[in-house]
Amino acid sequence: MTRTEQVIEDAMALVKRCRAQRERETEDRRQRLARIELMRVPKYLPRGGVQLDLPLN
Protein backbone atom coordinates (compact mmCIF):
# COMPACT_ATOMS: atom_id res chain seq x y z
CA MET A 1 0.00 0.00 0.00
CA THR A 2 1.42 3.34 -1.01
CA ARG A 3 1.55 6.37 1.22
CA THR A 4 -1.24 8.03 -0.76
CA GLU A 5 -3.53 5.04 -0.31
CA GLN A 6 -2.76 5.00 3.41
CA VAL A 7 -3.61 8.69 3.77
CA ILE A 8 -6.88 8.21 1.88
CA GLU A 9 -7.78 5.20 4.04
CA ASP A 10 -7.02 7.14 7.23
CA ALA A 11 -9.12 10.08 6.04
CA MET A 12 -12.06 7.80 5.20
CA ALA A 13 -11.81 6.17 8.64
CA LEU A 14 -11.85 9.61 10.26
CA VAL A 15 -14.93 10.60 8.25
CA LYS A 16 -16.65 7.37 9.31
CA ARG A 17 -15.89 8.01 13.01
CA CYS A 18 -17.07 11.62 12.78
CA ARG A 19 -20.30 10.59 11.08
CA ALA A 20 -20.99 7.93 13.73
CA GLN A 21 -20.34 10.45 16.52
CA ARG A 22 -22.59 13.04 14.87
CA GLU A 23 -25.40 10.49 14.51
CA ARG A 24 -25.05 9.48 18.19
CA GLU A 25 -25.17 13.12 19.28
CA THR A 26 -28.21 13.76 17.09
CA GLU A 27 -30.05 10.79 18.61
CA ASP A 28 -29.11 11.88 22.14
CA ARG A 29 -30.34 15.41 21.42
CA ARG A 30 -33.62 14.06 20.02
CA GLN A 31 -34.19 11.92 23.13
CA ARG A 32 -33.32 14.80 25.46
CA LEU A 33 -35.72 17.17 23.69
CA ALA A 34 -38.46 14.53 23.84
CA ARG A 35 -38.01 14.24 27.62
CA ILE A 36 -38.10 18.03 28.00
CA GLU A 37 -41.27 18.21 25.91
CA LEU A 38 -42.95 15.65 28.18
CA MET A 39 -42.04 17.64 31.29
CA ARG A 40 -43.42 20.93 29.96
CA VAL A 41 -46.58 22.30 31.50
CA PRO A 42 -49.13 23.49 28.93
CA LYS A 43 -49.39 27.26 28.62
CA TYR A 44 -53.13 27.02 29.22
CA LEU A 45 -55.31 24.78 31.31
CA PRO A 46 -58.06 23.04 29.39
CA ARG A 47 -61.52 23.99 30.70
CA GLY A 48 -63.43 21.03 29.30
CA GLY A 49 -64.79 22.95 26.33
CA VAL A 50 -66.84 25.41 28.40
CA GLN A 51 -66.43 29.04 27.38
CA LEU A 52 -66.36 31.47 30.28
CA ASP A 53 -68.77 34.42 30.28
CA LEU A 54 -67.37 37.93 30.04
CA PRO A 55 -69.87 40.53 31.29
CA LEU A 56 -69.55 43.71 29.23
CA ASN A 57 -71.94 46.03 31.15
PDB file of N, CA and C in Angstrom:
ATOM      1  N   MET A   1       0.856  -1.171   0.000  1.00  0.00           N
ATOM      2  CA  MET A   1       0.000   0.000   0.000  1.00  0.00           C
ATOM      3  C   MET A   1       0.904   1.237   0.000  1.00  0.00           C
ATOM      4  N   THR A   2       0.603   2.127  -0.912  1.00  0.00           N
ATOM      5  CA  THR A   2       1.418   3.338  -1.012  1.00  0.00           C
ATOM      6  C   THR A   2       1.007   4.338   0.064  1.00  0.00           C
ATOM      7  N   ARG A   3       1.819   5.327   0.220  1.00  0.00           N
ATOM      8  CA  ARG A   3       1.555   6.368   1.222  1.00  0.00           C
ATOM      9  C   ARG A   3       0.236   7.093   0.912  1.00  0.00           C
ATOM     10  N   THR A   4      -0.009   7.343  -0.358  1.00  0.00           N
ATOM     11  CA  THR A   4      -1.238   8.026  -0.763  1.00  0.00           C
ATOM     12  C   THR A   4      -2.462   7.207  -0.382  1.00  0.00           C
ATOM     13  N   GLU A   5      -2.406   5.916  -0.664  1.00  0.00           N
ATOM     14  CA  GLU A   5      -3.529   5.040  -0.315  1.00  0.00           C
ATOM     15  C   GLU A   5      -3.748   5.005   1.196  1.00  0.00           C
ATOM     16  N   GLN A   6      -2.660   5.013   1.956  1.00  0.00           N
ATOM     17  CA  GLN A   6      -2.763   4.999   3.414  1.00  0.00           C
ATOM     18  C   GLN A   6      -3.419   6.282   3.929  1.00  0.00           C
ATOM     19  N   VAL A   7      -3.028   7.411   3.364  1.00  0.00           N
ATOM     20  CA  VAL A   7      -3.607   8.692   3.770  1.00  0.00           C
ATOM     21  C   VAL A   7      -5.101   8.721   3.447  1.00  0.00           C
ATOM     22  N   ILE A   8      -5.468   8.247   2.268  1.00  0.00           N
ATOM     23  CA  ILE A   8      -6.881   8.208   1.883  1.00  0.00           C
ATOM     24  C   ILE A   8      -7.660   7.290   2.815  1.00  0.00           C
ATOM     25  N   GLU A   9      -7.110   6.141   3.136  1.00  0.00           N
ATOM     26  CA  GLU A   9      -7.777   5.200   4.037  1.00  0.00           C
ATOM     27  C   GLU A   9      -7.957   5.808   5.431  1.00  0.00           C
ATOM     28  N   ASP A  10      -6.921   6.484   5.924  1.00  0.00           N
ATOM     29  CA  ASP A  10      -7.020   7.145   7.234  1.00  0.00           C
ATOM     30  C   ASP A  10      -8.085   8.245   7.222  1.00  0.00           C
ATOM     31  N   ALA A  11      -8.136   9.010   6.144  1.00  0.00           N
ATOM     32  CA  ALA A  11      -9.125  10.078   6.038  1.00  0.00           C
ATOM     33  C   ALA A  11     -10.539   9.508   6.004  1.00  0.00           C
ATOM     34  N   MET A  12     -10.732   8.427   5.269  1.00  0.00           N
ATOM     35  CA  MET A  12     -12.056   7.805   5.204  1.00  0.00           C
ATOM     36  C   MET A  12     -12.461   7.233   6.564  1.00  0.00           C
ATOM     37  N   ALA A  13     -11.513   6.686   7.302  1.00  0.00           N
ATOM     38  CA  ALA A  13     -11.807   6.168   8.642  1.00  0.00           C
ATOM     39  C   ALA A  13     -12.197   7.315   9.574  1.00  0.00           C
ATOM     40  N   LEU A  14     -11.520   8.439   9.454  1.00  0.00           N
ATOM     41  CA  LEU A  14     -11.854   9.611  10.265  1.00  0.00           C
ATOM     42  C   LEU A  14     -13.257  10.122   9.942  1.00  0.00           C
ATOM     43  N   VAL A  15     -13.588  10.165   8.660  1.00  0.00           N
ATOM     44  CA  VAL A  15     -14.927  10.597   8.248  1.00  0.00           C
ATOM     45  C   VAL A  15     -15.980   9.652   8.817  1.00  0.00           C
ATOM     46  N   LYS A  16     -15.705   8.363   8.790  1.00  0.00           N
ATOM     47  CA  LYS A  16     -16.648   7.370   9.313  1.00  0.00           C
ATOM     48  C   LYS A  16     -16.853   7.554  10.817  1.00  0.00           C
ATOM     49  N   ARG A  17     -15.767   7.790  11.568  1.00  0.00           N
ATOM     50  CA  ARG A  17     -15.886   8.006  13.015  1.00  0.00           C
ATOM     51  C   ARG A  17     -16.657   9.282  13.318  1.00  0.00           C
ATOM     52  N   CYS A  18     -16.368  10.347  12.565  1.00  0.00           N
ATOM     53  CA  CYS A  18     -17.066  11.620  12.782  1.00  0.00           C
ATOM     54  C   CYS A  18     -18.555  11.486  12.485  1.00  0.00           C
ATOM     55  N   ARG A  19     -18.897  10.782  11.428  1.00  0.00           N
ATOM     56  CA  ARG A  19     -20.304  10.593  11.080  1.00  0.00           C
ATOM     57  C   ARG A  19     -21.020   9.794  12.162  1.00  0.00           C
ATOM     58  N   ALA A  20     -20.383   8.742  12.671  1.00  0.00           N
ATOM     59  CA  ALA A  20     -20.993   7.933  13.730  1.00  0.00           C
ATOM     60  C   ALA A  20     -21.196   8.772  14.993  1.00  0.00           C
ATOM     61  N   GLN A  21     -20.212   9.587  15.338  1.00  0.00           N
ATOM     62  CA  GLN A  21     -20.337  10.448  16.518  1.00  0.00           C
ATOM     63  C   GLN A  21     -21.464  11.464  16.326  1.00  0.00           C
ATOM     64  N   ARG A  22     -21.547  12.064  15.149  1.00  0.00           N
ATOM     65  CA  ARG A  22     -22.591  13.045  14.873  1.00  0.00           C
ATOM     66  C   ARG A  22     -23.980  12.402  14.952  1.00  0.00           C
ATOM     67  N   GLU A  23     -24.114  11.182  14.444  1.00  0.00           N
ATOM     68  CA  GLU A  23     -25.400  10.487  14.511  1.00  0.00           C
ATOM     69  C   GLU A  23     -25.767  10.152  15.958  1.00  0.00           C
ATOM     70  N   ARG A  24     -24.778   9.748  16.766  1.00  0.00           N
ATOM     71  CA  ARG A  24     -25.050   9.479  18.187  1.00  0.00           C
ATOM     72  C   ARG A  24     -25.504  10.746  18.896  1.00  0.00           C
ATOM     73  N   GLU A  25     -24.815  11.852  18.642  1.00  0.00           N
ATOM     74  CA  GLU A  25     -25.173  13.118  19.280  1.00  0.00           C
ATOM     75  C   GLU A  25     -26.560  13.584  18.842  1.00  0.00           C
ATOM     76  N   THR A  26     -26.893  13.385  17.581  1.00  0.00           N
ATOM     77  CA  THR A  26     -28.215  13.760  17.086  1.00  0.00           C
ATOM     78  C   THR A  26     -29.297  12.944  17.777  1.00  0.00           C
ATOM     79  N   GLU A  27     -29.077  11.652  17.933  1.00  0.00           N
ATOM     80  CA  GLU A  27     -30.047  10.788  18.609  1.00  0.00           C
ATOM     81  C   GLU A  27     -30.180  11.170  20.082  1.00  0.00           C
ATOM     82  N   ASP A  28     -29.057  11.445  20.740  1.00  0.00           N
ATOM     83  CA  ASP A  28     -29.106  11.878  22.144  1.00  0.00           C
ATOM     84  C   ASP A  28     -29.888  13.183  22.284  1.00  0.00           C
ATOM     85  N   ARG A  29     -29.642  14.122  21.382  1.00  0.00           N
ATOM     86  CA  ARG A  29     -30.339  15.410  21.417  1.00  0.00           C
ATOM     87  C   ARG A  29     -31.840  15.209  21.205  1.00  0.00           C
ATOM     88  N   ARG A  30     -32.209  14.325  20.280  1.00  0.00           N
ATOM     89  CA  ARG A  30     -33.622  14.057  20.023  1.00  0.00           C
ATOM     90  C   ARG A  30     -34.296  13.469  21.261  1.00  0.00           C
ATOM     91  N   GLN A  31     -33.626  12.536  21.924  1.00  0.00           N
ATOM     92  CA  GLN A  31     -34.192  11.925  23.130  1.00  0.00           C
ATOM     93  C   GLN A  31     -34.304  12.946  24.263  1.00  0.00           C
ATOM     94  N   ARG A  32     -33.294  13.785  24.409  1.00  0.00           N
ATOM     95  CA  ARG A  32     -33.316  14.802  25.456  1.00  0.00           C
ATOM     96  C   ARG A  32     -34.463  15.789  25.232  1.00  0.00           C
ATOM     97  N   LEU A  33     -34.639  16.234  23.992  1.00  0.00           N
ATOM     98  CA  LEU A  33     -35.719  17.165  23.693  1.00  0.00           C
ATOM     99  C   LEU A  33     -37.086  16.519  23.898  1.00  0.00           C
ATOM    100  N   ALA A  34     -37.193  15.225  23.610  1.00  0.00           N
ATOM    101  CA  ALA A  34     -38.465  14.527  23.836  1.00  0.00           C
ATOM    102  C   ALA A  34     -38.783  14.486  25.327  1.00  0.00           C
ATOM    103  N   ARG A  35     -37.788  14.253  26.170  1.00  0.00           N
ATOM    104  CA  ARG A  35     -38.014  14.245  27.624  1.00  0.00           C
ATOM    105  C   ARG A  35     -38.419  15.628  28.115  1.00  0.00           C
ATOM    106  N   ILE A  36     -37.765  16.665  27.601  1.00  0.00           N
ATOM    107  CA  ILE A  36     -38.097  18.030  28.001  1.00  0.00           C
ATOM    108  C   ILE A  36     -39.530  18.350  27.588  1.00  0.00           C
ATOM    109  N   GLU A  37     -39.919  17.940  26.400  1.00  0.00           N
ATOM    110  CA  GLU A  37     -41.269  18.209  25.910  1.00  0.00           C
ATOM    111  C   GLU A  37     -42.310  17.532  26.792  1.00  0.00           C
ATOM    112  N   LEU A  38     -42.016  16.348  27.295  1.00  0.00           N
ATOM    113  CA  LEU A  38     -42.950  15.648  28.176  1.00  0.00           C
ATOM    114  C   LEU A  38     -43.090  16.357  29.519  1.00  0.00           C
ATOM    115  N   MET A  39     -42.020  16.989  29.986  1.00  0.00           N
ATOM    116  CA  MET A  39     -42.038  17.639  31.294  1.00  0.00           C
ATOM    117  C   MET A  39     -42.700  19.016  31.250  1.00  0.00           C
ATOM    118  N   ARG A  40     -42.855  19.587  30.084  1.00  0.00           N
ATOM    119  CA  ARG A  40     -43.417  20.932  29.961  1.00  0.00           C
ATOM    120  C   ARG A  40     -44.865  20.976  30.423  1.00  0.00           C
ATOM    121  N   VAL A  41     -45.197  22.057  31.089  1.00  0.00           N
ATOM    122  CA  VAL A  41     -46.576  22.304  31.496  1.00  0.00           C
ATOM    123  C   VAL A  41     -47.243  23.083  30.370  1.00  0.00           C
ATOM    124  N   PRO A  42     -48.466  22.721  29.999  1.00  0.00           N
ATOM    125  CA  PRO A  42     -49.126  23.487  28.932  1.00  0.00           C
ATOM    126  C   PRO A  42     -49.300  24.950  29.337  1.00  0.00           C
ATOM    127  N   LYS A  43     -49.271  25.830  28.357  1.00  0.00           N
ATOM    128  CA  LYS A  43     -49.390  27.260  28.624  1.00  0.00           C
ATOM    129  C   LYS A  43     -50.804  27.635  29.039  1.00  0.00           C
ATOM    130  N   TYR A  44     -51.750  26.775  28.822  1.00  0.00           N
ATOM    131  CA  TYR A  44     -53.127  27.024  29.216  1.00  0.00           C
ATOM    132  C   TYR A  44     -53.669  25.763  29.874  1.00  0.00           C
ATOM    133  N   LEU A  45     -54.665  25.932  30.684  1.00  0.00           N
ATOM    134  CA  LEU A  45     -55.310  24.783  31.305  1.00  0.00           C
ATOM    135  C   LEU A  45     -56.620  24.523  30.581  1.00  0.00           C
ATOM    136  N   PRO A  46     -56.813  23.328  30.090  1.00  0.00           N
ATOM    137  CA  PRO A  46     -58.063  23.042  29.390  1.00  0.00           C
ATOM    138  C   PRO A  46     -59.251  23.166  30.341  1.00  0.00           C
ATOM    139  N   ARG A  47     -60.334  23.747  29.881  1.00  0.00           N
ATOM    140  CA  ARG A  47     -61.523  23.990  30.698  1.00  0.00           C
ATOM    141  C   ARG A  47     -62.654  23.021  30.353  1.00  0.00           C
ATOM    142  N   GLY A  48     -62.386  21.982  29.629  1.00  0.00           N
ATOM    143  CA  GLY A  48     -63.427  21.028  29.298  1.00  0.00           C
ATOM    144  C   GLY A  48     -64.372  21.514  28.217  1.00  0.00           C
ATOM    145  N   GLY A  49     -63.971  22.473  27.426  1.00  0.00           N
ATOM    146  CA  GLY A  49     -64.787  22.945  26.326  1.00  0.00           C
ATOM    147  C   GLY A  49     -65.847  23.957  26.721  1.00  0.00           C
ATOM    148  N   VAL A  50     -65.842  24.436  27.954  1.00  0.00           N
ATOM    149  CA  VAL A  50     -66.836  25.412  28.400  1.00  0.00           C
ATOM    150  C   VAL A  50     -66.235  26.806  28.277  1.00  0.00           C
ATOM    151  N   GLN A  51     -66.916  27.671  27.535  1.00  0.00           N
ATOM    152  CA  GLN A  51     -66.433  29.036  27.379  1.00  0.00           C
ATOM    153  C   GLN A  51     -66.906  29.876  28.560  1.00  0.00           C
ATOM    154  N   LEU A  52     -66.019  30.636  29.137  1.00  0.00           N
ATOM    155  CA  LEU A  52     -66.364  31.471  30.281  1.00  0.00           C
ATOM    156  C   LEU A  52     -67.064  32.741  29.811  1.00  0.00           C
ATOM    157  N   ASP A  53     -68.044  33.195  30.602  1.00  0.00           N
ATOM    158  CA  ASP A  53     -68.771  34.424  30.278  1.00  0.00           C
ATOM    159  C   ASP A  53     -67.914  35.636  30.606  1.00  0.00           C
ATOM    160  N   LEU A  54     -68.061  36.671  29.808  1.00  0.00           N
ATOM    161  CA  LEU A  54     -67.368  37.927  30.038  1.00  0.00           C
ATOM    162  C   LEU A  54     -68.418  39.038  30.046  1.00  0.00           C
ATOM    163  N   PRO A  55     -68.837  39.480  31.238  1.00  0.00           N
ATOM    164  CA  PRO A  55     -69.869  40.525  31.293  1.00  0.00           C
ATOM    165  C   PRO A  55     -69.312  41.858  30.795  1.00  0.00           C
ATOM    166  N   LEU A  56     -69.990  42.445  29.832  1.00  0.00           N
ATOM    167  CA  LEU A  56     -69.547  43.710  29.231  1.00  0.00           C
ATOM    168  C   LEU A  56     -70.554  44.823  29.528  1.00  0.00           C
ATOM    169  N   ASN A  57     -70.960  45.000  30.776  1.00  0.00           N
ATOM    170  CA  ASN A  57     -71.942  46.026  31.147  1.00  0.00           C
ATOM    171  C   ASN A  57     -71.310  47.385  31.195  1.00  0.00           C
TER     172      ASN A  57
END
